[in-house]
Amino acid sequence: MPIIGKMFWVIAIGVTCLNAYLLRLRARKEIAQNPELADGYRQLITGHLILFNLPWLVMGLGILVGRTHDVFDYLNPRSGNPYVVGFHVTGIFESALISYWIYLAGGAQVLVTHPGVMNVDVKSPLVLKLLFALGLLGGMAAEIMMWSGRLPVPNIG
């Protein structure tokens, strides 16, 4: 397990890139039917790659410079380690940015207009906002558990 723990960030970047590639494949079908959607898909895929890889790059930097041991260090933000805190702050900032986009900047409508971006076929911006709220609540619960020290962290290594 130690090598997976140290390389988790690389695996996560790979999964994020794979998801962007699969989204691109789904988008091709939609673009063939509606060419005017091409620019929107391009922006969504680029945003996906940049935004969702940032926390993993912060994690990778911490592991590569030797300031954190492995992925499990990042489950304990109370340690005060600047790379661990940076990882969590990056995720919180991203959640706030995406929330702003979804709820206030028309992002929900953009996602509904571009089928295949979501894993579920959502036709209503309101339903998408409600689904996003559920995901956001789950993320907030996980952060609260980690910051409060109530998340059991395995002692591996």
N, C-alpha and C. Protein backbone atom coordinates (compact mmCIF):
# COMPACT_ATOMS: atom_id res chain seq x y z
N MET A 1 0.81 -1.22 0.00
CA MET A 1 0.00 0.00 0.00
C MET A 1 0.84 1.27 0.00
N PRO A 2 2.05 1.29 0.56
CA PRO A 2 2.80 2.55 0.60
C PRO A 2 3.01 3.20 -0.76
N ILE A 3 3.30 2.42 -1.81
CA ILE A 3 3.53 3.03 -3.12
C ILE A 3 2.25 3.64 -3.68
N ILE A 4 1.11 3.00 -3.44
CA ILE A 4 -0.17 3.58 -3.89
C ILE A 4 -0.45 4.87 -3.13
N GLY A 5 -0.16 4.87 -1.85
CA GLY A 5 -0.36 6.08 -1.04
C GLY A 5 0.49 7.24 -1.52
N LYS A 6 1.73 6.94 -1.92
CA LYS A 6 2.62 7.99 -2.42
C LYS A 6 2.26 8.41 -3.84
N MET A 7 1.69 7.52 -4.62
CA MET A 7 1.38 7.81 -6.02
C MET A 7 -0.10 8.12 -6.25
N PHE A 8 -0.88 8.21 -5.18
CA PHE A 8 -2.31 8.44 -5.32
C PHE A 8 -2.60 9.68 -6.16
N TRP A 9 -1.83 10.73 -5.96
CA TRP A 9 -2.05 11.98 -6.69
C TRP A 9 -1.87 11.79 -8.19
N VAL A 10 -0.92 10.94 -8.59
CA VAL A 10 -0.70 10.66 -10.01
C VAL A 10 -1.90 9.90 -10.57
N ILE A 11 -2.37 8.93 -9.81
CA ILE A 11 -3.55 8.16 -10.22
C ILE A 11 -4.75 9.09 -10.36
N ALA A 12 -4.93 9.99 -9.40
CA ALA A 12 -6.06 10.93 -9.44
C ALA A 12 -5.98 11.84 -10.66
N ILE A 13 -4.79 12.31 -11.00
CA ILE A 13 -4.63 13.14 -12.20
C ILE A 13 -4.97 12.30 -13.44
N GLY A 14 -4.53 11.06 -13.46
CA GLY A 14 -4.85 10.18 -14.58
C GLY A 14 -6.34 9.97 -14.73
N VAL A 15 -7.04 9.77 -13.61
CA VAL A 15 -8.49 9.57 -13.66
C VAL A 15 -9.18 10.86 -14.13
N THR A 16 -8.72 12.00 -13.66
CA THR A 16 -9.29 13.28 -14.09
C THR A 16 -9.11 13.47 -15.59
N CYS A 17 -7.92 13.15 -16.10
CA CYS A 17 -7.66 13.26 -17.54
C CYS A 17 -8.48 12.25 -18.34
N LEU A 18 -8.63 11.05 -17.82
CA LEU A 18 -9.46 10.05 -18.48
C LEU A 18 -10.91 10.52 -18.55
N ASN A 19 -11.41 11.10 -17.46
CA ASN A 19 -12.78 11.63 -17.46
C ASN A 19 -12.94 12.74 -18.49
N ALA A 20 -11.94 13.60 -18.62
CA ALA A 20 -11.99 14.67 -19.62
C ALA A 20 -12.01 14.07 -21.03
N TYR A 21 -11.22 13.04 -21.25
CA TYR A 21 -11.19 12.37 -22.55
C TYR A 21 -12.55 11.75 -22.87
N LEU A 22 -13.14 11.07 -21.89
CA LEU A 22 -14.46 10.46 -22.09
C LEU A 22 -15.52 11.53 -22.35
N LEU A 23 -15.41 12.64 -21.66
CA LEU A 23 -16.32 13.75 -21.90
C LEU A 23 -16.15 14.26 -23.33
N ARG A 24 -14.93 14.34 -23.78
CA ARG A 24 -14.66 14.77 -25.16
C ARG A 24 -15.31 13.82 -26.17
N LEU A 25 -15.23 12.53 -25.89
CA LEU A 25 -15.87 11.55 -26.78
C LEU A 25 -17.38 11.74 -26.81
N ARG A 26 -17.98 11.93 -25.63
CA ARG A 26 -19.43 12.16 -25.57
C ARG A 26 -19.80 13.47 -26.26
N ALA A 27 -18.94 14.47 -26.11
CA ALA A 27 -19.21 15.78 -26.70
C ALA A 27 -19.20 15.71 -28.22
N ARG A 28 -18.34 14.88 -28.80
CA ARG A 28 -18.27 14.77 -30.27
C ARG A 28 -19.63 14.44 -30.87
N LYS A 29 -20.34 13.53 -30.23
CA LYS A 29 -21.67 13.14 -30.72
C LYS A 29 -22.62 14.33 -30.65
N GLU A 30 -22.59 15.05 -29.55
CA GLU A 30 -23.48 16.19 -29.39
C GLU A 30 -23.11 17.32 -30.35
N ILE A 31 -21.81 17.54 -30.54
CA ILE A 31 -21.34 18.60 -31.44
C ILE A 31 -21.72 18.28 -32.89
N ALA A 32 -21.68 17.00 -33.24
CA ALA A 32 -22.09 16.61 -34.60
C ALA A 32 -23.54 17.00 -34.86
N GLN A 33 -24.38 16.92 -33.82
CA GLN A 33 -25.79 17.27 -33.97
C GLN A 33 -26.03 18.76 -33.80
N ASN A 34 -25.20 19.41 -32.95
CA ASN A 34 -25.35 20.85 -32.66
C ASN A 34 -23.96 21.51 -32.65
N PRO A 35 -23.43 21.86 -33.81
CA PRO A 35 -22.07 22.43 -33.88
C PRO A 35 -21.87 23.70 -33.04
N GLU A 36 -22.95 24.43 -32.77
CA GLU A 36 -22.83 25.65 -31.97
C GLU A 36 -22.42 25.37 -30.52
N LEU A 37 -22.48 24.13 -30.09
CA LEU A 37 -22.10 23.75 -28.74
C LEU A 37 -20.59 23.50 -28.59
N ALA A 38 -19.86 23.49 -29.69
CA ALA A 38 -18.44 23.11 -29.67
C ALA A 38 -17.62 23.97 -28.72
N ASP A 39 -17.79 25.29 -28.78
CA ASP A 39 -16.99 26.17 -27.92
C ASP A 39 -17.30 25.92 -26.44
N GLY A 40 -18.57 25.72 -26.13
CA GLY A 40 -18.96 25.45 -24.74
C GLY A 40 -18.34 24.17 -24.22
N TYR A 41 -18.37 23.12 -25.02
CA TYR A 41 -17.73 21.86 -24.61
C TYR A 41 -16.23 22.05 -24.41
N ARG A 42 -15.61 22.79 -25.32
CA ARG A 42 -14.17 23.03 -25.20
C ARG A 42 -13.85 23.74 -23.88
N GLN A 43 -14.64 24.74 -23.53
CA GLN A 43 -14.43 25.46 -22.28
C GLN A 43 -14.68 24.56 -21.06
N LEU A 44 -15.72 23.75 -21.14
CA LEU A 44 -16.02 22.85 -20.02
C LEU A 44 -14.91 21.82 -19.82
N ILE A 45 -14.40 21.27 -20.89
CA ILE A 45 -13.33 20.26 -20.78
C ILE A 45 -12.05 20.90 -20.26
N THR A 46 -11.71 22.08 -20.77
CA THR A 46 -10.52 22.78 -20.29
C THR A 46 -10.66 23.12 -18.82
N GLY A 47 -11.82 23.64 -18.44
CA GLY A 47 -12.07 23.95 -17.03
C GLY A 47 -11.98 22.73 -16.15
N HIS A 48 -12.51 21.62 -16.63
CA HIS A 48 -12.45 20.35 -15.90
C HIS A 48 -11.00 19.96 -15.63
N LEU A 49 -10.18 20.00 -16.68
CA LEU A 49 -8.78 19.59 -16.54
C LEU A 49 -8.01 20.50 -15.57
N ILE A 50 -8.23 21.79 -15.68
CA ILE A 50 -7.49 22.72 -14.81
C ILE A 50 -8.01 22.64 -13.38
N LEU A 51 -9.29 22.82 -13.21
CA LEU A 51 -9.86 22.92 -11.87
C LEU A 51 -9.72 21.64 -11.06
N PHE A 52 -10.03 20.51 -11.68
CA PHE A 52 -10.05 19.27 -10.90
C PHE A 52 -8.67 18.65 -10.72
N ASN A 53 -7.66 19.16 -11.39
CA ASN A 53 -6.30 18.67 -11.15
C ASN A 53 -5.53 19.50 -10.14
N LEU A 54 -5.99 20.71 -9.84
CA LEU A 54 -5.25 21.57 -8.91
C LEU A 54 -4.99 20.94 -7.54
N PRO A 55 -6.00 20.38 -6.88
CA PRO A 55 -5.71 19.79 -5.55
C PRO A 55 -4.69 18.65 -5.64
N TRP A 56 -4.77 17.86 -6.71
CA TRP A 56 -3.83 16.73 -6.84
C TRP A 56 -2.42 17.23 -7.08
N LEU A 57 -2.27 18.36 -7.77
CA LEU A 57 -0.94 18.94 -7.96
C LEU A 57 -0.38 19.45 -6.64
N VAL A 58 -1.23 20.04 -5.81
CA VAL A 58 -0.79 20.48 -4.48
C VAL A 58 -0.35 19.27 -3.66
N MET A 59 -1.14 18.19 -3.70
CA MET A 59 -0.78 16.97 -2.98
C MET A 59 0.54 16.41 -3.50
N GLY A 60 0.68 16.33 -4.81
CA GLY A 60 1.90 15.80 -5.40
C GLY A 60 3.11 16.60 -5.02
N LEU A 61 2.98 17.92 -5.01
CA LEU A 61 4.10 18.77 -4.61
C LEU A 61 4.52 18.47 -3.18
N GLY A 62 3.56 18.36 -2.29
CA GLY A 62 3.86 18.06 -0.88
C GLY A 62 4.59 16.74 -0.73
N ILE A 63 4.17 15.73 -1.48
CA ILE A 63 4.81 14.41 -1.39
C ILE A 63 6.18 14.44 -2.05
N LEU A 64 6.29 15.10 -3.20
CA LEU A 64 7.57 15.13 -3.92
C LEU A 64 8.67 15.88 -3.18
N VAL A 65 8.30 16.96 -2.48
CA VAL A 65 9.32 17.70 -1.74
C VAL A 65 9.56 17.11 -0.35
N GLY A 66 8.84 16.05 -0.03
CA GLY A 66 9.07 15.35 1.24
C GLY A 66 8.42 15.98 2.45
N ARG A 67 7.48 16.89 2.25
CA ARG A 67 6.82 17.52 3.40
C ARG A 67 5.61 16.73 3.88
N THR A 68 5.13 15.79 3.04
CA THR A 68 4.08 14.87 3.45
C THR A 68 4.50 13.47 3.01
N HIS A 69 4.00 12.49 3.71
CA HIS A 69 4.41 11.11 3.45
C HIS A 69 3.60 10.47 2.33
N ASP A 70 2.28 10.55 2.44
CA ASP A 70 1.40 9.91 1.45
C ASP A 70 0.00 10.52 1.53
N VAL A 71 -0.93 9.94 0.80
CA VAL A 71 -2.29 10.46 0.71
C VAL A 71 -2.96 10.52 2.09
N PHE A 72 -2.60 9.64 2.98
CA PHE A 72 -3.27 9.61 4.28
C PHE A 72 -2.95 10.84 5.13
N ASP A 73 -1.80 11.49 4.89
CA ASP A 73 -1.51 12.74 5.59
C ASP A 73 -2.57 13.79 5.30
N TYR A 74 -3.15 13.73 4.12
CA TYR A 74 -4.12 14.74 3.69
C TYR A 74 -5.49 14.55 4.30
N LEU A 75 -5.67 13.46 5.04
CA LEU A 75 -6.92 13.24 5.76
C LEU A 75 -6.91 13.91 7.13
N ASN A 76 -5.79 14.54 7.48
CA ASN A 76 -5.67 15.18 8.78
C ASN A 76 -5.23 16.63 8.61
N PRO A 77 -6.15 17.51 8.20
CA PRO A 77 -5.77 18.92 8.01
C PRO A 77 -5.42 19.62 9.32
N ARG A 78 -5.84 19.04 10.44
CA ARG A 78 -5.53 19.64 11.74
C ARG A 78 -4.04 19.58 12.06
N SER A 79 -3.28 18.82 11.29
CA SER A 79 -1.84 18.74 11.53
C SER A 79 -1.16 20.09 11.31
N GLY A 80 -1.79 20.95 10.52
CA GLY A 80 -1.22 22.26 10.25
C GLY A 80 -0.17 22.26 9.15
N ASN A 81 0.11 21.08 8.59
CA ASN A 81 1.08 21.00 7.51
C ASN A 81 0.60 21.92 6.37
N PRO A 82 1.45 22.82 5.89
CA PRO A 82 1.00 23.78 4.88
C PRO A 82 0.54 23.13 3.56
N TYR A 83 1.10 21.99 3.20
CA TYR A 83 0.67 21.32 1.98
C TYR A 83 -0.70 20.67 2.16
N VAL A 84 -0.92 20.12 3.33
CA VAL A 84 -2.22 19.52 3.63
C VAL A 84 -3.29 20.61 3.70
N VAL A 85 -2.99 21.68 4.41
CA VAL A 85 -3.94 22.79 4.49
C VAL A 85 -4.17 23.38 3.10
N GLY A 86 -3.11 23.52 2.32
CA GLY A 86 -3.24 24.04 0.96
C GLY A 86 -4.12 23.17 0.10
N PHE A 87 -4.01 21.87 0.25
CA PHE A 87 -4.86 20.93 -0.48
C PHE A 87 -6.32 21.18 -0.14
N HIS A 88 -6.62 21.31 1.16
CA HIS A 88 -8.00 21.51 1.58
C HIS A 88 -8.52 22.89 1.19
N VAL A 89 -7.69 23.90 1.32
CA VAL A 89 -8.10 25.26 0.93
C VAL A 89 -8.38 25.30 -0.57
N THR A 90 -7.55 24.61 -1.36
CA THR A 90 -7.78 24.55 -2.80
C THR A 90 -9.14 23.92 -3.09
N GLY A 91 -9.44 22.82 -2.43
CA GLY A 91 -10.74 22.17 -2.62
C GLY A 91 -11.91 23.04 -2.19
N ILE A 92 -11.75 23.73 -1.08
CA ILE A 92 -12.82 24.61 -0.59
C ILE A 92 -13.00 25.79 -1.55
N PHE A 93 -11.90 26.35 -2.02
CA PHE A 93 -11.97 27.45 -2.99
C PHE A 93 -12.67 26.99 -4.27
N GLU A 94 -12.32 25.81 -4.74
CA GLU A 94 -12.96 25.26 -5.94
C GLU A 94 -14.45 25.06 -5.73
N SER A 95 -14.83 24.55 -4.57
CA SER A 95 -16.26 24.36 -4.28
C SER A 95 -16.99 25.69 -4.28
N ALA A 96 -16.37 26.71 -3.72
CA ALA A 96 -16.99 28.04 -3.71
C ALA A 96 -17.10 28.59 -5.13
N LEU A 97 -16.06 28.43 -5.91
CA LEU A 97 -16.05 28.92 -7.28
C LEU A 97 -17.11 28.22 -8.14
N ILE A 98 -17.18 26.90 -8.02
CA ILE A 98 -18.17 26.13 -8.77
C ILE A 98 -19.58 26.47 -8.29
N SER A 99 -19.75 26.66 -6.99
CA SER A 99 -21.06 27.03 -6.46
C SER A 99 -21.51 28.37 -7.03
N TYR A 100 -20.60 29.33 -7.06
CA TYR A 100 -20.92 30.64 -7.65
C TYR A 100 -21.35 30.45 -9.10
N TRP A 101 -20.57 29.67 -9.84
CA TRP A 101 -20.86 29.46 -11.26
C TRP A 101 -22.22 28.77 -11.46
N ILE A 102 -22.46 27.72 -10.68
CA ILE A 102 -23.72 26.96 -10.81
C ILE A 102 -24.93 27.82 -10.45
N TYR A 103 -24.86 28.51 -9.30
CA TYR A 103 -26.04 29.19 -8.78
C TYR A 103 -26.20 30.63 -9.25
N LEU A 104 -25.11 31.33 -9.52
CA LEU A 104 -25.22 32.76 -9.80
C LEU A 104 -24.75 33.18 -11.20
N ALA A 105 -23.97 32.36 -11.85
CA ALA A 105 -23.40 32.77 -13.14
C ALA A 105 -23.92 31.93 -14.31
N GLY A 106 -25.02 31.23 -14.12
CA GLY A 106 -25.63 30.50 -15.22
C GLY A 106 -25.02 29.15 -15.53
N GLY A 107 -24.17 28.65 -14.67
CA GLY A 107 -23.51 27.37 -14.91
C GLY A 107 -24.47 26.20 -15.00
N ALA A 108 -25.54 26.24 -14.20
CA ALA A 108 -26.51 25.14 -14.24
C ALA A 108 -27.13 25.04 -15.64
N GLN A 109 -27.46 26.18 -16.22
CA GLN A 109 -28.04 26.18 -17.56
C GLN A 109 -27.02 25.71 -18.60
N VAL A 110 -25.76 26.11 -18.42
CA VAL A 110 -24.71 25.66 -19.35
C VAL A 110 -24.59 24.14 -19.33
N LEU A 111 -24.61 23.55 -18.13
CA LEU A 111 -24.50 22.10 -18.02
C LEU A 111 -25.71 21.39 -18.61
N VAL A 112 -26.89 21.95 -18.43
CA VAL A 112 -28.10 21.35 -19.00
C VAL A 112 -28.06 21.46 -20.53
N THR A 113 -27.52 22.55 -21.03
CA THR A 113 -27.44 22.78 -22.48
C THR A 113 -26.40 21.90 -23.16
N HIS A 114 -25.45 21.40 -22.38
CA HIS A 114 -24.37 20.57 -22.92
C HIS A 114 -24.50 19.13 -22.39
N PRO A 115 -25.36 18.33 -23.01
CA PRO A 115 -25.59 16.95 -22.56
C PRO A 115 -24.28 16.14 -22.55
N GLY A 116 -24.21 15.22 -21.59
CA GLY A 116 -23.05 14.33 -21.51
C GLY A 116 -22.00 14.80 -20.54
N VAL A 117 -22.09 16.05 -20.07
CA VAL A 117 -21.10 16.55 -19.10
C VAL A 117 -21.34 15.89 -17.74
N MET A 118 -22.59 15.76 -17.39
CA MET A 118 -22.95 15.13 -16.11
C MET A 118 -23.12 13.63 -16.34
N ASN A 119 -22.95 12.86 -15.29
CA ASN A 119 -23.16 11.41 -15.38
C ASN A 119 -24.63 11.05 -15.43
N VAL A 120 -25.48 12.00 -15.12
CA VAL A 120 -26.92 11.80 -15.20
C VAL A 120 -27.48 12.78 -16.22
N ASP A 121 -28.55 12.40 -16.88
CA ASP A 121 -29.16 13.26 -17.89
C ASP A 121 -30.13 14.19 -17.20
N VAL A 122 -29.67 15.39 -16.89
CA VAL A 122 -30.48 16.37 -16.19
C VAL A 122 -30.97 17.39 -17.21
N LYS A 123 -32.26 17.61 -17.23
CA LYS A 123 -32.87 18.53 -18.20
C LYS A 123 -33.29 19.85 -17.56
N SER A 124 -33.20 19.94 -16.24
CA SER A 124 -33.66 21.13 -15.54
C SER A 124 -32.52 21.75 -14.72
N PRO A 125 -32.27 23.06 -14.88
CA PRO A 125 -31.26 23.71 -14.04
C PRO A 125 -31.58 23.59 -12.55
N LEU A 126 -32.86 23.61 -12.19
CA LEU A 126 -33.23 23.49 -10.78
C LEU A 126 -32.84 22.12 -10.23
N VAL A 127 -33.12 21.06 -10.97
CA VAL A 127 -32.75 19.71 -10.54
C VAL A 127 -31.23 19.61 -10.41
N LEU A 128 -30.51 20.19 -11.37
CA LEU A 128 -29.05 20.16 -11.31
C LEU A 128 -28.56 20.90 -10.06
N LYS A 129 -29.16 22.03 -9.76
CA LYS A 129 -28.78 22.79 -8.57
C LYS A 129 -29.03 21.98 -7.29
N LEU A 130 -30.14 21.27 -7.26
CA LEU A 130 -30.45 20.44 -6.09
C LEU A 130 -29.46 19.28 -5.96
N LEU A 131 -29.13 18.64 -7.08
CA LEU A 131 -28.14 17.55 -7.05
C LEU A 131 -26.78 18.07 -6.62
N PHE A 132 -26.40 19.24 -7.13
CA PHE A 132 -25.13 19.83 -6.74
C PHE A 132 -25.12 20.15 -5.24
N ALA A 133 -26.24 20.64 -4.73
CA ALA A 133 -26.34 20.95 -3.30
C ALA A 133 -26.12 19.70 -2.45
N LEU A 134 -26.67 18.57 -2.88
CA LEU A 134 -26.45 17.32 -2.15
C LEU A 134 -24.96 16.95 -2.13
N GLY A 135 -24.32 17.05 -3.29
CA GLY A 135 -22.90 16.76 -3.36
C GLY A 135 -22.09 17.71 -2.50
N LEU A 136 -22.46 18.98 -2.53
CA LEU A 136 -21.77 19.99 -1.73
C LEU A 136 -21.92 19.70 -0.24
N LEU A 137 -23.10 19.29 0.18
CA LEU A 137 -23.32 18.93 1.59
C LEU A 137 -22.46 17.73 1.99
N GLY A 138 -22.35 16.76 1.10
CA GLY A 138 -21.49 15.61 1.39
C GLY A 138 -20.04 16.02 1.54
N GLY A 139 -19.57 16.89 0.67
CA GLY A 139 -18.20 17.39 0.77
C GLY A 139 -17.98 18.18 2.04
N MET A 140 -18.97 18.99 2.41
CA MET A 140 -18.86 19.77 3.65
C MET A 140 -18.81 18.85 4.86
N ALA A 141 -19.62 17.80 4.85
CA ALA A 141 -19.60 16.85 5.96
C ALA A 141 -18.23 16.18 6.08
N ALA A 142 -17.65 15.80 4.95
CA ALA A 142 -16.33 15.18 4.98
C ALA A 142 -15.28 16.15 5.52
N GLU A 143 -15.33 17.40 5.07
CA GLU A 143 -14.36 18.39 5.57
C GLU A 143 -14.53 18.61 7.08
N ILE A 144 -15.78 18.70 7.53
CA ILE A 144 -16.03 18.88 8.97
C ILE A 144 -15.46 17.70 9.76
N MET A 145 -15.67 16.50 9.25
CA MET A 145 -15.16 15.32 9.95
C MET A 145 -13.63 15.34 10.00
N MET A 146 -12.99 15.73 8.91
CA MET A 146 -11.52 15.76 8.91
C MET A 146 -10.99 16.86 9.81
N TRP A 147 -11.56 18.05 9.72
CA TRP A 147 -11.07 19.17 10.53
C TRP A 147 -11.38 18.97 12.01
N SER A 148 -12.42 18.23 12.33
CA SER A 148 -12.76 18.00 13.75
C SER A 148 -12.00 16.81 14.33
N GLY A 149 -11.32 16.06 13.47
CA GLY A 149 -10.58 14.90 13.95
C GLY A 149 -11.44 13.68 14.16
N ARG A 150 -12.64 13.68 13.62
CA ARG A 150 -13.56 12.57 13.82
C ARG A 150 -13.49 11.54 12.68
N LEU A 151 -12.60 11.74 11.74
CA LEU A 151 -12.45 10.79 10.65
C LEU A 151 -11.34 9.82 11.02
N PRO A 152 -11.66 8.53 11.09
CA PRO A 152 -10.60 7.56 11.44
C PRO A 152 -9.58 7.47 10.30
N VAL A 153 -8.33 7.78 10.61
CA VAL A 153 -7.26 7.77 9.62
C VAL A 153 -6.38 6.55 9.86
N PRO A 154 -6.21 5.71 8.84
CA PRO A 154 -5.36 4.53 9.05
C PRO A 154 -3.90 4.92 9.26
N ASN A 155 -3.22 4.16 10.07
CA ASN A 155 -1.80 4.39 10.33
C ASN A 155 -1.02 3.37 9.53
N ILE A 156 -0.71 3.73 8.27
CA ILE A 156 0.00 2.82 7.37
C ILE A 156 1.38 3.39 7.12
N GLY A 157 2.34 2.53 7.10
CA GLY A 157 3.66 2.98 6.71
C GLY A 157 4.57 3.04 7.86
